[in-house]
PDB file of N, CA and C in Angstrom:
ATOM      1  N   MET A   1       0.833  -1.191   0.000  1.00  0.00           N
ATOM      2  CA  MET A   1       0.000   0.000   0.000  1.00  0.00           C
ATOM      3  C   MET A   1       0.873   1.249   0.000  1.00  0.00           C
ATOM      4  N   HIS A   2       1.924   1.212   0.814  1.00  0.00           N
ATOM      5  CA  HIS A   2       2.796   2.380   0.890  1.00  0.00           C
ATOM      6  C   HIS A   2       3.524   2.608  -0.436  1.00  0.00           C
ATOM      7  N   LEU A   3       4.001   1.511  -1.037  1.00  0.00           N
ATOM      8  CA  LEU A   3       4.666   1.636  -2.331  1.00  0.00           C
ATOM      9  C   LEU A   3       3.686   2.137  -3.378  1.00  0.00           C
ATOM     10  N   PHE A   4       2.454   1.646  -3.310  1.00  0.00           N
ATOM     11  CA  PHE A   4       1.455   2.089  -4.282  1.00  0.00           C
ATOM     12  C   PHE A   4       1.207   3.589  -4.146  1.00  0.00           C
ATOM     13  N   ASP A   5       1.155   4.080  -2.903  1.00  0.00           N
ATOM     14  CA  ASP A   5       0.965   5.515  -2.691  1.00  0.00           C
ATOM     15  C   ASP A   5       2.120   6.304  -3.301  1.00  0.00           C
ATOM     16  N   LEU A   6       3.337   5.799  -3.125  1.00  0.00           N
ATOM     17  CA  LEU A   6       4.504   6.508  -3.656  1.00  0.00           C
ATOM     18  C   LEU A   6       4.471   6.540  -5.178  1.00  0.00           C
ATOM     19  N   TYR A   7       3.982   5.461  -5.786  1.00  0.00           N
ATOM     20  CA  TYR A   7       3.900   5.442  -7.245  1.00  0.00           C
ATOM     21  C   TYR A   7       2.735   6.291  -7.750  1.00  0.00           C
ATOM     22  N   ALA A   8       1.634   6.305  -7.007  1.00  0.00           N
ATOM     23  CA  ALA A   8       0.432   6.987  -7.479  1.00  0.00           C
ATOM     24  C   ALA A   8       0.528   8.499  -7.306  1.00  0.00           C
ATOM     25  N   LEU A   9       1.321   8.950  -6.340  1.00  0.00           N
ATOM     26  CA  LEU A   9       1.366  10.379  -6.045  1.00  0.00           C
ATOM     27  C   LEU A   9       1.855  11.217  -7.223  1.00  0.00           C
ATOM     28  N   PRO A  10       2.989  10.877  -7.863  1.00  0.00           N
ATOM     29  CA  PRO A  10       3.410  11.695  -9.011  1.00  0.00           C
ATOM     30  C   PRO A  10       2.396  11.659 -10.146  1.00  0.00           C
ATOM     31  N   TYR A  11       1.758  10.496 -10.342  1.00  0.00           N
ATOM     32  CA  TYR A  11       0.778  10.398 -11.423  1.00  0.00           C
ATOM     33  C   TYR A  11      -0.403  11.316 -11.160  1.00  0.00           C
ATOM     34  N   SER A  12      -0.928  11.293  -9.930  1.00  0.00           N
ATOM     35  CA  SER A  12      -2.093  12.122  -9.633  1.00  0.00           C
ATOM     36  C   SER A  12      -1.728  13.603  -9.703  1.00  0.00           C
ATOM     37  N   CYS A  13      -0.526  13.952  -9.265  1.00  0.00           N
ATOM     38  CA  CYS A  13      -0.110  15.359  -9.327  1.00  0.00           C
ATOM     39  C   CYS A  13       0.013  15.819 -10.777  1.00  0.00           C
ATOM     40  N   SER A  14       0.619  14.995 -11.619  1.00  0.00           N
ATOM     41  CA  SER A  14       0.754  15.392 -13.020  1.00  0.00           C
ATOM     42  C   SER A  14      -0.604  15.410 -13.699  1.00  0.00           C
ATOM     43  N   HIS A  15      -1.498  14.501 -13.309  1.00  0.00           N
ATOM     44  CA  HIS A  15      -2.844  14.473 -13.889  1.00  0.00           C
ATOM     45  C   HIS A  15      -3.592  15.749 -13.524  1.00  0.00           C
ATOM     46  N   ILE A  16      -3.471  16.175 -12.268  1.00  0.00           N
ATOM     47  CA  ILE A  16      -4.128  17.411 -11.837  1.00  0.00           C
ATOM     48  C   ILE A  16      -3.554  18.602 -12.605  1.00  0.00           C
ATOM     49  N   ALA A  17      -2.239  18.622 -12.794  1.00  0.00           N
ATOM     50  CA  ALA A  17      -1.620  19.728 -13.521  1.00  0.00           C
ATOM     51  C   ALA A  17      -2.115  19.768 -14.961  1.00  0.00           C
ATOM     52  N   VAL A  18      -2.247  18.595 -15.585  1.00  0.00           N
ATOM     53  CA  VAL A  18      -2.738  18.538 -16.962  1.00  0.00           C
ATOM     54  C   VAL A  18      -4.172  19.036 -17.034  1.00  0.00           C
ATOM     55  N   VAL A  19      -4.995  18.623 -16.072  1.00  0.00           N
ATOM     56  CA  VAL A  19      -6.395  19.055 -16.068  1.00  0.00           C
ATOM     57  C   VAL A  19      -6.483  20.563 -15.879  1.00  0.00           C
ATOM     58  N   GLN A  20      -5.681  21.112 -14.954  1.00  0.00           N
ATOM     59  CA  GLN A  20      -5.715  22.550 -14.715  1.00  0.00           C
ATOM     60  C   GLN A  20      -5.235  23.311 -15.942  1.00  0.00           C
ATOM     61  N   THR A  21      -4.194  22.819 -16.601  1.00  0.00           N
ATOM     62  CA  THR A  21      -3.684  23.499 -17.789  1.00  0.00           C
ATOM     63  C   THR A  21      -4.708  23.452 -18.914  1.00  0.00           C
ATOM     64  N   THR A  22      -5.348  22.296 -19.089  1.00  0.00           N
ATOM     65  CA  THR A  22      -6.340  22.159 -20.153  1.00  0.00           C
ATOM     66  C   THR A  22      -7.534  23.064 -19.903  1.00  0.00           C
ATOM     67  N   SER A  23      -8.036  23.065 -18.669  1.00  0.00           N
ATOM     68  CA  SER A  23      -9.194  23.912 -18.370  1.00  0.00           C
ATOM     69  C   SER A  23      -8.816  25.381 -18.460  1.00  0.00           C
ATOM     70  N   GLY A  24      -7.586  25.730 -18.079  1.00  0.00           N
ATOM     71  CA  GLY A  24      -7.143  27.115 -18.204  1.00  0.00           C
ATOM     72  C   GLY A  24      -7.070  27.544 -19.659  1.00  0.00           C
ATOM     73  N   ALA A  25      -6.586  26.646 -20.532  1.00  0.00           N
ATOM     74  CA  ALA A  25      -6.530  26.967 -21.954  1.00  0.00           C
ATOM     75  C   ALA A  25      -7.930  27.098 -22.535  1.00  0.00           C
ATOM     76  N   MET A  26      -8.838  26.215 -22.122  1.00  0.00           N
ATOM     77  CA  MET A  26     -10.218  26.287 -22.610  1.00  0.00           C
ATOM     78  C   MET A  26     -10.856  27.606 -22.188  1.00  0.00           C
ATOM     79  N   ILE A  27     -10.625  28.020 -20.936  1.00  0.00           N
ATOM     80  CA  ILE A  27     -11.214  29.267 -20.444  1.00  0.00           C
ATOM     81  C   ILE A  27     -10.631  30.453 -21.200  1.00  0.00           C
ATOM     82  N   SER A  28      -9.314  30.469 -21.415  1.00  0.00           N
ATOM     83  CA  SER A  28      -8.698  31.602 -22.100  1.00  0.00           C
ATOM     84  C   SER A  28      -9.110  31.652 -23.565  1.00  0.00           C
ATOM     85  N   LEU A  29      -9.472  30.501 -24.141  1.00  0.00           N
ATOM     86  CA  LEU A  29     -10.001  30.504 -25.502  1.00  0.00           C
ATOM     87  C   LEU A  29     -11.470  30.903 -25.526  1.00  0.00           C
ATOM     88  N   TYR A  30     -12.210  30.502 -24.488  1.00  0.00           N
ATOM     89  CA  TYR A  30     -13.657  30.728 -24.489  1.00  0.00           C
ATOM     90  C   TYR A  30     -14.009  32.172 -24.139  1.00  0.00           C
ATOM     91  N   MET A  31     -13.244  32.809 -23.259  1.00  0.00           N
ATOM     92  CA  MET A  31     -13.600  34.153 -22.805  1.00  0.00           C
ATOM     93  C   MET A  31     -13.638  35.166 -23.951  1.00  0.00           C
ATOM     94  N   PRO A  32     -12.626  35.236 -24.834  1.00  0.00           N
ATOM     95  CA  PRO A  32     -12.755  36.168 -25.971  1.00  0.00           C
ATOM     96  C   PRO A  32     -13.931  35.814 -26.868  1.00  0.00           C
ATOM     97  N   LEU A  33     -14.192  34.524 -27.041  1.00  0.00           N
ATOM     98  CA  LEU A  33     -15.320  34.098 -27.864  1.00  0.00           C
ATOM     99  C   LEU A  33     -16.631  34.570 -27.248  1.00  0.00           C
ATOM    100  N   ALA A  34     -16.757  34.463 -25.929  1.00  0.00           N
ATOM    101  CA  ALA A  34     -17.968  34.929 -25.254  1.00  0.00           C
ATOM    102  C   ALA A  34     -18.116  36.440 -25.401  1.00  0.00           C
ATOM    103  N   CYS A  35     -17.010  37.168 -25.339  1.00  0.00           N
ATOM    104  CA  CYS A  35     -17.066  38.624 -25.518  1.00  0.00           C
ATOM    105  C   CYS A  35     -17.526  38.965 -26.928  1.00  0.00           C
ATOM    106  N   VAL A  36     -16.982  38.277 -27.921  1.00  0.00           N
ATOM    107  CA  VAL A  36     -17.378  38.525 -29.312  1.00  0.00           C
ATOM    108  C   VAL A  36     -18.857  38.218 -29.499  1.00  0.00           C
ATOM    109  N   ILE A  37     -19.320  37.114 -28.936  1.00  0.00           N
ATOM    110  CA  ILE A  37     -20.729  36.737 -29.079  1.00  0.00           C
ATOM    111  C   ILE A  37     -21.628  37.785 -28.439  1.00  0.00           C
ATOM    112  N   SER A  38     -21.249  38.284 -27.255  1.00  0.00           N
ATOM    113  CA  SER A  38     -22.096  39.271 -26.588  1.00  0.00           C
ATOM    114  C   SER A  38     -22.101  40.590 -27.354  1.00  0.00           C
ATOM    115  N   VAL A  39     -20.968  40.970 -27.944  1.00  0.00           N
ATOM    116  CA  VAL A  39     -20.915  42.205 -28.745  1.00  0.00           C
ATOM    117  C   VAL A  39     -21.788  42.059 -29.981  1.00  0.00           C
ATOM    118  N   VAL A  40     -21.710  40.907 -30.643  1.00  0.00           N
ATOM    119  CA  VAL A  40     -22.535  40.670 -31.831  1.00  0.00           C
ATOM    120  C   VAL A  40     -24.010  40.679 -31.449  1.00  0.00           C
ATOM    121  N   ASN A  41     -24.340  40.099 -30.299  1.00  0.00           N
ATOM    122  CA  ASN A  41     -25.729  40.101 -29.844  1.00  0.00           C
ATOM    123  C   ASN A  41     -26.223  41.527 -29.626  1.00  0.00           C
ATOM    124  N   ARG A  42     -25.386  42.374 -29.041  1.00  0.00           N
ATOM    125  CA  ARG A  42     -25.805  43.753 -28.796  1.00  0.00           C
ATOM    126  C   ARG A  42     -25.985  44.504 -30.110  1.00  0.00           C
ATOM    127  N   MET A  43     -25.092  44.261 -31.060  1.00  0.00           N
ATOM    128  CA  MET A  43     -25.182  44.979 -32.336  1.00  0.00           C
ATOM    129  C   MET A  43     -26.401  44.511 -33.123  1.00  0.00           C
ATOM    130  N   CYS A  44     -26.676  43.215 -33.092  1.00  0.00           N
ATOM    131  CA  CYS A  44     -27.785  42.680 -33.874  1.00  0.00           C
ATOM    132  C   CYS A  44     -29.101  42.738 -33.109  1.00  0.00           C
ATOM    133  N   GLY A  45     -29.043  42.903 -31.791  1.00  0.00           N
ATOM    134  CA  GLY A  45     -30.256  42.908 -31.001  1.00  0.00           C
ATOM    135  C   GLY A  45     -30.856  41.527 -30.849  1.00  0.00           C
ATOM    136  N   VAL A  46     -30.026  40.494 -30.946  1.00  0.00           N
ATOM    137  CA  VAL A  46     -30.501  39.120 -30.827  1.00  0.00           C
ATOM    138  C   VAL A  46     -29.934  38.526 -29.543  1.00  0.00           C
ATOM    139  N   GLY A  47     -30.799  37.924 -28.716  1.00  0.00           N
ATOM    140  CA  GLY A  47     -30.345  37.342 -27.458  1.00  0.00           C
ATOM    141  C   GLY A  47     -30.307  35.834 -27.488  1.00  0.00           C
ATOM    142  N   VAL A  48     -30.238  35.231 -28.670  1.00  0.00           N
ATOM    143  CA  VAL A  48     -30.313  33.773 -28.771  1.00  0.00           C
ATOM    144  C   VAL A  48     -29.044  33.133 -28.210  1.00  0.00           C
ATOM    145  N   LEU A  49     -27.874  33.717 -28.534  1.00  0.00           N
ATOM    146  CA  LEU A  49     -26.612  33.106 -28.142  1.00  0.00           C
ATOM    147  C   LEU A  49     -26.131  33.586 -26.779  1.00  0.00           C
ATOM    148  N   ALA A  50     -26.880  34.459 -26.121  1.00  0.00           N
ATOM    149  CA  ALA A  50     -26.412  35.014 -24.851  1.00  0.00           C
ATOM    150  C   ALA A  50     -26.430  33.945 -23.761  1.00  0.00           C
TER     151      ALA A  50
END
């Protein structure tokens, strides 16, 4: 059990780092897209994509 914990710890830490990096990239890609969509909605007067 102790050896398993030692082996699993680096894997779980790297997995968490990968998940955080992926979600951070998704958010940084999505935020400008959301801004563009909201600006287009205001210009067109359409609230479908809001």
